[in-house]
Amino acid sequence: MFTLLLLLIPDYYSVHINCGGREVIVDNRTYEDDTYLSGASTYHKSETNWAVSSTGYFMDDSITTDSYIANNKSILLMNNSALYMNARLSALSLTYYAFCLGYENFSTQMHGILWSTIKRKDDQDSFHPMR
């Protein structure tokens, strides 16, 4: 019975996640939605082949309800800007897991936003796209 169950689990050969953002299609790839509500200690399994865990509470701010997702309000004049509009936040650790990947060589690309924790003089938060 155990062998039969393993044969029914599909192999995946890619993982595309729009970390902190809604589903978006870029270069014929669908980046999955990652907008679930999280808290100071969270584990979330997607409907496909990935999961995310985060830990940490933002104690040094005056916000009573932490959203754990940052939203970019800037207009980005760059390719694939939809991937840089949101970011999942974590005070201590943020880990993404990929499950049931087929046996082959993989390459990894990180697209994301480096959230600046330093406030500018006008007290605005700032995003810095990174690759």
N, C-alpha and C. Protein backbone atom coordinates (compact mmCIF):
# COMPACT_ATOMS: atom_id res chain seq x y z
N MET A 1 0.82 -1.19 0.00
CA MET A 1 0.00 0.00 0.00
C MET A 1 0.87 1.26 0.00
N PHE A 2 1.95 1.25 0.76
CA PHE A 2 2.82 2.42 0.84
C PHE A 2 3.43 2.75 -0.51
N THR A 3 3.87 1.76 -1.26
CA THR A 3 4.46 1.98 -2.59
C THR A 3 3.43 2.60 -3.53
N LEU A 4 2.23 2.15 -3.49
CA LEU A 4 1.17 2.68 -4.33
C LEU A 4 0.95 4.17 -4.05
N LEU A 5 0.95 4.56 -2.79
CA LEU A 5 0.75 5.95 -2.44
C LEU A 5 1.88 6.83 -2.98
N LEU A 6 3.10 6.35 -2.96
CA LEU A 6 4.22 7.13 -3.49
C LEU A 6 4.08 7.37 -4.98
N LEU A 7 3.53 6.41 -5.70
CA LEU A 7 3.35 6.57 -7.13
C LEU A 7 2.28 7.61 -7.47
N LEU A 8 1.36 7.86 -6.55
CA LEU A 8 0.30 8.82 -6.80
C LEU A 8 0.72 10.26 -6.50
N ILE A 9 1.85 10.45 -5.81
CA ILE A 9 2.33 11.79 -5.51
C ILE A 9 3.05 12.34 -6.73
N PRO A 10 2.59 13.46 -7.27
CA PRO A 10 3.23 13.98 -8.49
C PRO A 10 4.60 14.58 -8.21
N ASP A 11 5.48 14.47 -9.19
CA ASP A 11 6.77 15.16 -9.12
C ASP A 11 6.59 16.56 -9.68
N TYR A 12 7.20 17.51 -9.03
CA TYR A 12 7.21 18.88 -9.50
C TYR A 12 8.63 19.20 -9.95
N TYR A 13 8.75 20.05 -10.93
CA TYR A 13 10.07 20.41 -11.43
C TYR A 13 10.33 21.89 -11.34
N SER A 14 9.45 22.61 -10.66
CA SER A 14 9.67 24.04 -10.45
C SER A 14 8.80 24.52 -9.29
N VAL A 15 9.23 25.63 -8.71
CA VAL A 15 8.47 26.30 -7.67
C VAL A 15 8.59 27.79 -7.95
N HIS A 16 7.45 28.46 -8.09
CA HIS A 16 7.42 29.90 -8.34
C HIS A 16 6.45 30.52 -7.35
N ILE A 17 6.96 31.39 -6.47
CA ILE A 17 6.16 31.98 -5.40
C ILE A 17 6.31 33.48 -5.45
N ASN A 18 5.22 34.21 -5.42
CA ASN A 18 5.27 35.66 -5.29
C ASN A 18 5.19 35.97 -3.80
N CYS A 19 6.31 35.96 -3.14
CA CYS A 19 6.40 36.06 -1.68
C CYS A 19 5.74 37.33 -1.15
N GLY A 20 4.63 37.16 -0.44
CA GLY A 20 3.88 38.28 0.10
C GLY A 20 2.90 38.89 -0.87
N GLY A 21 2.85 38.40 -2.12
CA GLY A 21 1.99 38.99 -3.13
C GLY A 21 0.98 38.03 -3.71
N ARG A 22 0.11 38.56 -4.54
CA ARG A 22 -0.92 37.77 -5.21
C ARG A 22 -0.34 37.02 -6.40
N GLU A 23 -1.10 36.06 -6.92
CA GLU A 23 -0.66 35.30 -8.10
C GLU A 23 -0.41 36.25 -9.27
N VAL A 24 0.69 36.03 -9.97
CA VAL A 24 1.05 36.87 -11.11
C VAL A 24 1.76 35.99 -12.15
N ILE A 25 1.54 36.30 -13.42
CA ILE A 25 2.21 35.57 -14.50
C ILE A 25 3.30 36.47 -15.08
N VAL A 26 4.52 35.97 -15.06
CA VAL A 26 5.67 36.70 -15.58
C VAL A 26 6.47 35.74 -16.44
N ASP A 27 6.76 36.14 -17.68
CA ASP A 27 7.53 35.31 -18.61
C ASP A 27 6.95 33.89 -18.73
N ASN A 28 5.63 33.79 -18.85
CA ASN A 28 4.92 32.52 -18.98
C ASN A 28 5.07 31.60 -17.77
N ARG A 29 5.43 32.15 -16.63
CA ARG A 29 5.51 31.39 -15.38
C ARG A 29 4.48 31.97 -14.42
N THR A 30 3.73 31.09 -13.77
CA THR A 30 2.77 31.55 -12.77
C THR A 30 3.43 31.53 -11.40
N TYR A 31 3.56 32.71 -10.80
CA TYR A 31 4.08 32.84 -9.45
C TYR A 31 2.89 32.77 -8.51
N GLU A 32 2.89 31.78 -7.62
CA GLU A 32 1.73 31.52 -6.77
C GLU A 32 1.51 32.59 -5.71
N ASP A 33 0.25 32.72 -5.33
CA ASP A 33 -0.18 33.65 -4.30
C ASP A 33 0.43 33.29 -2.95
N ASP A 34 0.90 34.29 -2.21
CA ASP A 34 1.45 34.09 -0.87
C ASP A 34 0.96 35.21 0.04
N THR A 35 -0.37 35.39 0.07
CA THR A 35 -0.95 36.50 0.84
C THR A 35 -1.71 36.03 2.08
N TYR A 36 -1.52 34.80 2.49
CA TYR A 36 -2.24 34.31 3.67
C TYR A 36 -1.86 35.17 4.88
N LEU A 37 -2.74 35.25 5.85
CA LEU A 37 -2.47 36.01 7.07
C LEU A 37 -1.56 35.21 7.98
N SER A 38 -0.53 35.84 8.47
CA SER A 38 0.40 35.14 9.35
C SER A 38 0.54 35.88 10.67
N GLY A 39 1.25 35.28 11.58
CA GLY A 39 1.47 35.88 12.89
C GLY A 39 2.93 35.73 13.29
N ALA A 40 3.18 35.88 14.57
CA ALA A 40 4.56 35.85 15.07
C ALA A 40 5.22 34.49 14.91
N SER A 41 4.45 33.42 14.91
CA SER A 41 4.99 32.08 14.69
C SER A 41 4.01 31.32 13.81
N THR A 42 4.40 31.08 12.55
CA THR A 42 3.45 30.56 11.58
C THR A 42 4.10 29.51 10.69
N TYR A 43 3.32 28.49 10.34
CA TYR A 43 3.67 27.53 9.29
C TYR A 43 2.48 27.45 8.37
N HIS A 44 2.72 27.60 7.06
CA HIS A 44 1.63 27.56 6.09
C HIS A 44 2.03 26.65 4.93
N LYS A 45 1.19 25.67 4.60
CA LYS A 45 1.41 24.76 3.46
C LYS A 45 0.51 25.22 2.32
N SER A 46 1.11 25.42 1.14
CA SER A 46 0.33 25.82 -0.02
C SER A 46 -0.51 24.65 -0.53
N GLU A 47 -1.36 24.92 -1.51
CA GLU A 47 -2.15 23.85 -2.11
C GLU A 47 -1.31 23.02 -3.09
N THR A 48 -0.11 23.47 -3.41
CA THR A 48 0.74 22.72 -4.35
C THR A 48 1.93 22.13 -3.61
N ASN A 49 3.13 22.56 -3.94
CA ASN A 49 4.32 21.86 -3.45
C ASN A 49 5.28 22.73 -2.65
N TRP A 50 4.78 23.68 -1.91
CA TRP A 50 5.68 24.49 -1.09
C TRP A 50 5.01 24.89 0.21
N ALA A 51 5.83 25.32 1.15
CA ALA A 51 5.35 25.79 2.44
C ALA A 51 6.28 26.91 2.91
N VAL A 52 5.84 27.65 3.90
CA VAL A 52 6.65 28.72 4.48
C VAL A 52 6.47 28.72 5.99
N SER A 53 7.55 29.00 6.69
CA SER A 53 7.45 29.17 8.14
C SER A 53 8.16 30.47 8.51
N SER A 54 7.64 31.11 9.52
CA SER A 54 8.28 32.34 10.00
C SER A 54 8.12 32.43 11.51
N THR A 55 9.09 33.09 12.13
CA THR A 55 9.03 33.32 13.56
C THR A 55 9.49 34.74 13.84
N GLY A 56 9.03 35.28 14.93
CA GLY A 56 9.49 36.58 15.37
C GLY A 56 8.36 37.58 15.49
N TYR A 57 8.45 38.40 16.51
CA TYR A 57 7.46 39.44 16.78
C TYR A 57 8.17 40.78 16.74
N PHE A 58 7.58 41.75 16.06
CA PHE A 58 8.16 43.09 15.97
C PHE A 58 7.79 43.87 17.24
N MET A 59 8.67 43.85 18.23
CA MET A 59 8.36 44.47 19.52
C MET A 59 8.74 45.95 19.57
N ASP A 60 9.61 46.41 18.70
CA ASP A 60 10.14 47.75 18.84
C ASP A 60 9.39 48.80 18.02
N ASP A 61 8.16 48.51 17.64
CA ASP A 61 7.38 49.53 16.94
C ASP A 61 6.09 49.81 17.70
N SER A 62 5.41 50.85 17.30
CA SER A 62 4.18 51.25 18.00
C SER A 62 2.94 50.64 17.36
N ILE A 63 3.12 49.79 16.35
CA ILE A 63 1.98 49.16 15.68
C ILE A 63 1.50 47.99 16.53
N THR A 64 0.21 47.98 16.84
CA THR A 64 -0.32 46.93 17.71
C THR A 64 -0.66 45.65 16.94
N THR A 65 -0.94 45.76 15.65
CA THR A 65 -1.25 44.60 14.83
C THR A 65 -0.24 44.53 13.68
N ASP A 66 0.65 43.56 13.73
CA ASP A 66 1.64 43.41 12.66
C ASP A 66 1.04 42.63 11.50
N SER A 67 1.25 43.11 10.27
CA SER A 67 0.65 42.45 9.11
C SER A 67 1.58 41.40 8.50
N TYR A 68 2.88 41.51 8.69
CA TYR A 68 3.88 40.58 8.17
C TYR A 68 3.93 40.55 6.65
N ILE A 69 3.32 41.52 5.99
CA ILE A 69 3.47 41.73 4.55
C ILE A 69 3.66 43.22 4.33
N ALA A 70 4.73 43.57 3.62
CA ALA A 70 4.99 44.96 3.28
C ALA A 70 4.49 45.20 1.86
N ASN A 71 3.90 46.36 1.64
CA ASN A 71 3.38 46.71 0.32
C ASN A 71 4.12 47.93 -0.22
N ASN A 72 4.61 47.82 -1.43
CA ASN A 72 5.33 48.90 -2.07
C ASN A 72 4.33 49.87 -2.69
N LYS A 73 4.43 51.13 -2.37
CA LYS A 73 3.53 52.14 -2.94
C LYS A 73 4.20 52.92 -4.05
N SER A 74 5.45 52.59 -4.34
CA SER A 74 6.19 53.28 -5.40
C SER A 74 5.76 52.77 -6.77
N ILE A 75 6.02 53.57 -7.79
CA ILE A 75 5.84 53.12 -9.18
C ILE A 75 7.19 52.63 -9.65
N LEU A 76 7.28 51.37 -10.00
CA LEU A 76 8.54 50.79 -10.43
C LEU A 76 8.58 50.71 -11.95
N LEU A 77 9.54 51.36 -12.56
CA LEU A 77 9.70 51.36 -14.01
C LEU A 77 10.78 50.35 -14.38
N MET A 78 10.44 49.09 -14.26
CA MET A 78 11.38 48.01 -14.52
C MET A 78 10.62 46.79 -15.01
N ASN A 79 11.34 45.86 -15.61
CA ASN A 79 10.71 44.62 -16.04
C ASN A 79 10.23 43.82 -14.83
N ASN A 80 9.11 43.14 -15.00
CA ASN A 80 8.57 42.24 -13.99
C ASN A 80 8.33 42.92 -12.64
N SER A 81 7.87 44.15 -12.67
CA SER A 81 7.69 44.92 -11.43
C SER A 81 6.67 44.28 -10.49
N ALA A 82 5.77 43.46 -11.00
CA ALA A 82 4.77 42.81 -10.14
C ALA A 82 5.42 41.93 -9.08
N LEU A 83 6.62 41.42 -9.35
CA LEU A 83 7.32 40.59 -8.38
C LEU A 83 7.94 41.41 -7.25
N TYR A 84 7.96 42.72 -7.39
CA TYR A 84 8.63 43.58 -6.42
C TYR A 84 7.67 44.51 -5.68
N MET A 85 6.40 44.21 -5.71
CA MET A 85 5.41 45.09 -5.10
C MET A 85 5.08 44.71 -3.66
N ASN A 86 5.40 43.50 -3.24
CA ASN A 86 5.09 43.03 -1.89
C ASN A 86 6.25 42.22 -1.36
N ALA A 87 6.31 42.10 -0.05
CA ALA A 87 7.34 41.26 0.58
C ALA A 87 6.78 40.69 1.87
N ARG A 88 7.07 39.44 2.12
CA ARG A 88 6.69 38.83 3.40
C ARG A 88 7.75 39.25 4.42
N LEU A 89 7.30 39.64 5.59
CA LEU A 89 8.19 40.11 6.65
C LEU A 89 8.31 39.10 7.77
N SER A 90 9.45 39.09 8.40
CA SER A 90 9.65 38.25 9.57
C SER A 90 10.70 38.91 10.45
N ALA A 91 10.47 38.90 11.76
CA ALA A 91 11.42 39.53 12.67
C ALA A 91 12.64 38.66 12.93
N LEU A 92 12.51 37.33 12.88
CA LEU A 92 13.65 36.45 13.17
C LEU A 92 14.02 35.54 12.01
N SER A 93 13.10 34.69 11.58
CA SER A 93 13.45 33.76 10.50
C SER A 93 12.29 33.59 9.54
N LEU A 94 12.63 33.43 8.28
CA LEU A 94 11.66 33.21 7.22
C LEU A 94 12.22 32.13 6.32
N THR A 95 11.52 30.99 6.22
CA THR A 95 12.02 29.85 5.45
C THR A 95 10.94 29.33 4.53
N TYR A 96 11.29 29.16 3.25
CA TYR A 96 10.39 28.55 2.27
C TYR A 96 10.88 27.13 1.98
N TYR A 97 9.96 26.19 1.86
CA TYR A 97 10.26 24.79 1.60
C TYR A 97 9.61 24.36 0.28
N ALA A 98 10.31 23.54 -0.50
CA ALA A 98 9.74 22.95 -1.72
C ALA A 98 9.65 21.44 -1.51
N PHE A 99 8.50 20.85 -1.86
CA PHE A 99 8.26 19.43 -1.63
C PHE A 99 8.15 18.67 -2.96
N CYS A 100 8.54 17.41 -2.92
CA CYS A 100 8.32 16.45 -4.02
C CYS A 100 8.90 16.93 -5.35
N LEU A 101 10.08 17.53 -5.30
CA LEU A 101 10.72 17.92 -6.55
C LEU A 101 11.31 16.68 -7.21
N GLY A 102 11.16 16.58 -8.52
CA GLY A 102 11.72 15.46 -9.26
C GLY A 102 13.23 15.44 -9.19
N TYR A 103 13.80 14.30 -9.48
CA TYR A 103 15.25 14.13 -9.39
C TYR A 103 15.91 14.72 -10.63
N GLU A 104 16.54 15.88 -10.49
CA GLU A 104 17.31 16.50 -11.56
C GLU A 104 18.05 17.70 -10.98
N ASN A 105 18.88 18.34 -11.77
CA ASN A 105 19.59 19.53 -11.32
C ASN A 105 18.63 20.73 -11.38
N PHE A 106 18.75 21.60 -10.41
CA PHE A 106 17.89 22.77 -10.32
C PHE A 106 18.72 24.03 -10.26
N SER A 107 18.18 25.10 -10.80
CA SER A 107 18.79 26.41 -10.63
C SER A 107 17.84 27.26 -9.80
N THR A 108 18.38 28.20 -9.07
CA THR A 108 17.59 29.02 -8.17
C THR A 108 17.75 30.48 -8.53
N GLN A 109 16.64 31.19 -8.58
CA GLN A 109 16.66 32.64 -8.77
C GLN A 109 15.83 33.26 -7.66
N MET A 110 16.38 34.27 -7.02
CA MET A 110 15.65 35.01 -6.01
C MET A 110 15.25 36.36 -6.58
N HIS A 111 13.97 36.65 -6.56
CA HIS A 111 13.48 37.97 -6.88
C HIS A 111 12.78 38.44 -5.62
N GLY A 112 13.02 39.63 -5.22
CA GLY A 112 12.35 40.07 -4.00
C GLY A 112 12.62 41.51 -3.69
N ILE A 113 12.20 41.87 -2.51
CA ILE A 113 12.36 43.24 -2.04
C ILE A 113 13.14 43.19 -0.75
N LEU A 114 14.19 43.98 -0.69
CA LEU A 114 14.91 44.14 0.55
C LEU A 114 14.23 45.27 1.31
N TRP A 115 13.55 44.92 2.38
CA TRP A 115 12.78 45.91 3.13
C TRP A 115 13.74 46.64 4.05
N SER A 116 13.81 47.93 3.89
CA SER A 116 14.71 48.74 4.69
C SER A 116 14.07 49.02 6.05
N THR A 117 14.80 48.71 7.10
CA THR A 117 14.28 48.98 8.44
C THR A 117 14.69 50.36 8.93
N ILE A 118 15.49 51.05 8.15
CA ILE A 118 15.92 52.39 8.52
C ILE A 118 14.90 53.39 8.00
N LYS A 119 14.41 54.25 8.86
CA LYS A 119 13.43 55.25 8.46
C LYS A 119 14.15 56.47 7.89
N ARG A 120 13.59 57.03 6.85
CA ARG A 120 14.12 58.27 6.30
C ARG A 120 13.63 59.44 7.14
N LYS A 121 14.15 60.61 6.86
CA LYS A 121 13.76 61.79 7.63
C LYS A 121 12.27 62.06 7.59
N ASP A 122 11.64 61.77 6.44
CA ASP A 122 10.19 62.02 6.33
C ASP A 122 9.38 60.86 6.90
N ASP A 123 10.05 59.92 7.59
CA ASP A 123 9.42 58.79 8.26
C ASP A 123 8.67 57.87 7.31
N GLN A 124 9.15 57.76 6.08
CA GLN A 124 8.57 56.86 5.09
C GLN A 124 9.41 55.59 5.02
N ASP A 125 8.76 54.46 4.95
CA ASP A 125 9.49 53.22 4.73
C ASP A 125 9.91 53.15 3.28
N SER A 126 10.99 52.45 2.99
CA SER A 126 11.45 52.39 1.59
C SER A 126 11.74 50.96 1.19
N PHE A 127 11.50 50.68 -0.09
CA PHE A 127 11.78 49.39 -0.69
C PHE A 127 13.03 49.50 -1.55
N HIS A 128 13.77 48.41 -1.63
CA HIS A 128 14.92 48.34 -2.52
C HIS A 128 14.84 47.02 -3.28
N PRO A 129 14.47 47.06 -4.57
CA PRO A 129 14.41 45.81 -5.33
C PRO A 129 15.77 45.12 -5.37
N MET A 130 15.78 43.80 -5.31
CA MET A 130 17.03 43.04 -5.38
C MET A 130 16.83 41.84 -6.26
N ARG A 131 17.92 41.27 -6.73
CA ARG A 131 17.86 40.05 -7.53
C ARG A 131 18.86 39.07 -7.06
